[in-house]
Amino acid sequence: MVDARAQALLDFVRRNFTAGAAAEITLDTPLLSERLIDSMGIALLAAFIEEQFDVAFDGTELRKGRLETIRDIVAMIDRNS
C-alpha cells in the first residue's frame, strides 16, 4: 500500500511528466536518469512539494542525484517535516 504523500507525488509525476511514456511510473522509477523530468520539471516538482507538503525544496538534491525516486523524495519530506 502506498501512503498518501507518495500517491500524491506519483499522481503529480504521472499527470505532468509522462505524456506518451509507455513504462509505468513506480515509487522506485529514476526520475532524472530515465529522463522523465528535466530542469523545468524539477522547478515544477519543487513548487508542488513546497505547496503540498510545506517543505522547502529547491531541487538541488534532485539535480545531484540524491533524490532520484518518489521513495527518495518521500524520505526527504519525512526528514524535513
Protein backbone atom coordinates (compact mmCIF):
# COMPACT_ATOMS: atom_id res chain seq x y z
CA MET A 1 0.00 0.00 0.00
CA VAL A 2 1.29 3.44 -0.96
CA ASP A 3 0.99 6.23 1.62
CA ALA A 4 -0.89 9.43 0.74
CA ARG A 5 2.24 11.54 0.16
CA ALA A 6 3.77 9.00 -2.20
CA GLN A 7 0.45 8.67 -4.03
CA ALA A 8 0.17 12.45 -4.42
CA LEU A 9 3.70 12.59 -5.85
CA LEU A 10 3.07 9.64 -8.18
CA ASP A 11 -0.14 11.25 -9.43
CA PHE A 12 1.63 14.58 -9.97
CA VAL A 13 4.53 13.00 -11.89
CA ARG A 14 2.20 10.84 -13.98
CA ARG A 15 -0.06 13.78 -14.78
CA ASN A 16 2.71 16.25 -15.63
CA PHE A 17 5.66 14.28 -16.98
CA THR A 18 4.60 11.03 -18.63
CA ALA A 19 2.71 12.07 -21.73
CA GLY A 20 3.35 9.29 -24.20
CA ALA A 21 5.54 7.29 -21.83
CA ALA A 22 4.96 3.57 -22.10
CA ALA A 23 6.54 2.47 -18.83
CA GLU A 24 4.64 2.57 -15.56
CA ILE A 25 5.97 5.05 -13.01
CA THR A 26 6.53 3.47 -9.59
CA LEU A 27 8.00 4.58 -6.27
CA ASP A 28 11.40 3.39 -7.49
CA THR A 29 11.45 4.75 -11.05
CA PRO A 30 14.52 7.00 -11.52
CA LEU A 31 13.05 10.36 -12.49
CA LEU A 32 16.13 12.07 -13.89
CA SER A 33 18.20 9.22 -15.27
CA GLU A 34 15.09 7.91 -17.06
CA ARG A 35 14.64 11.46 -18.38
CA LEU A 36 11.10 11.78 -17.10
CA ILE A 37 11.87 15.16 -15.53
CA ASP A 38 14.08 17.90 -16.98
CA SER A 39 15.28 21.13 -15.36
CA MET A 40 11.91 22.84 -15.87
CA GLY A 41 10.22 19.77 -14.45
CA ILE A 42 12.42 19.96 -11.36
CA ALA A 43 11.20 23.51 -10.76
CA LEU A 44 7.58 22.40 -11.19
CA LEU A 45 8.06 19.41 -8.87
CA ALA A 46 9.81 21.59 -6.28
CA ALA A 47 6.90 24.05 -6.28
CA PHE A 48 4.43 21.19 -5.87
CA ILE A 49 6.38 19.71 -2.95
CA GLU A 50 6.64 23.07 -1.20
CA GLU A 51 2.94 23.81 -1.66
CA GLN A 52 1.58 20.32 -0.97
CA PHE A 53 3.83 19.28 1.92
CA ASP A 54 5.05 22.63 3.32
CA VAL A 55 8.67 21.52 2.92
CA ALA A 56 11.36 23.76 1.44
CA PHE A 57 12.71 22.05 -1.68
CA ASP A 58 14.78 23.79 -4.34
CA GLY A 59 15.56 20.78 -6.49
CA THR A 60 19.31 20.80 -5.83
CA GLU A 61 19.21 17.37 -4.21
CA LEU A 62 17.29 16.01 -7.18
CA ARG A 63 19.78 17.50 -9.65
CA LYS A 64 22.69 15.97 -7.74
CA GLY A 65 21.10 12.53 -7.98
CA ARG A 66 20.46 12.22 -4.26
CA LEU A 67 16.71 12.18 -4.71
CA GLU A 68 16.19 10.08 -7.78
CA THR A 69 12.86 8.40 -6.99
CA ILE A 70 9.48 9.14 -5.42
CA ARG A 71 10.56 6.94 -2.49
CA ASP A 72 13.65 9.17 -2.00
CA ILE A 73 11.52 12.31 -2.10
CA VAL A 74 9.06 10.95 0.49
CA ALA A 75 12.02 10.11 2.78
CA MET A 76 13.27 13.69 2.35
CA ILE A 77 9.82 15.04 3.22
CA ASP A 78 9.84 12.86 6.36
CA ARG A 79 13.26 14.22 7.38
CA ASN A 80 12.27 17.84 6.83
CA SER A 81 8.75 17.98 8.22
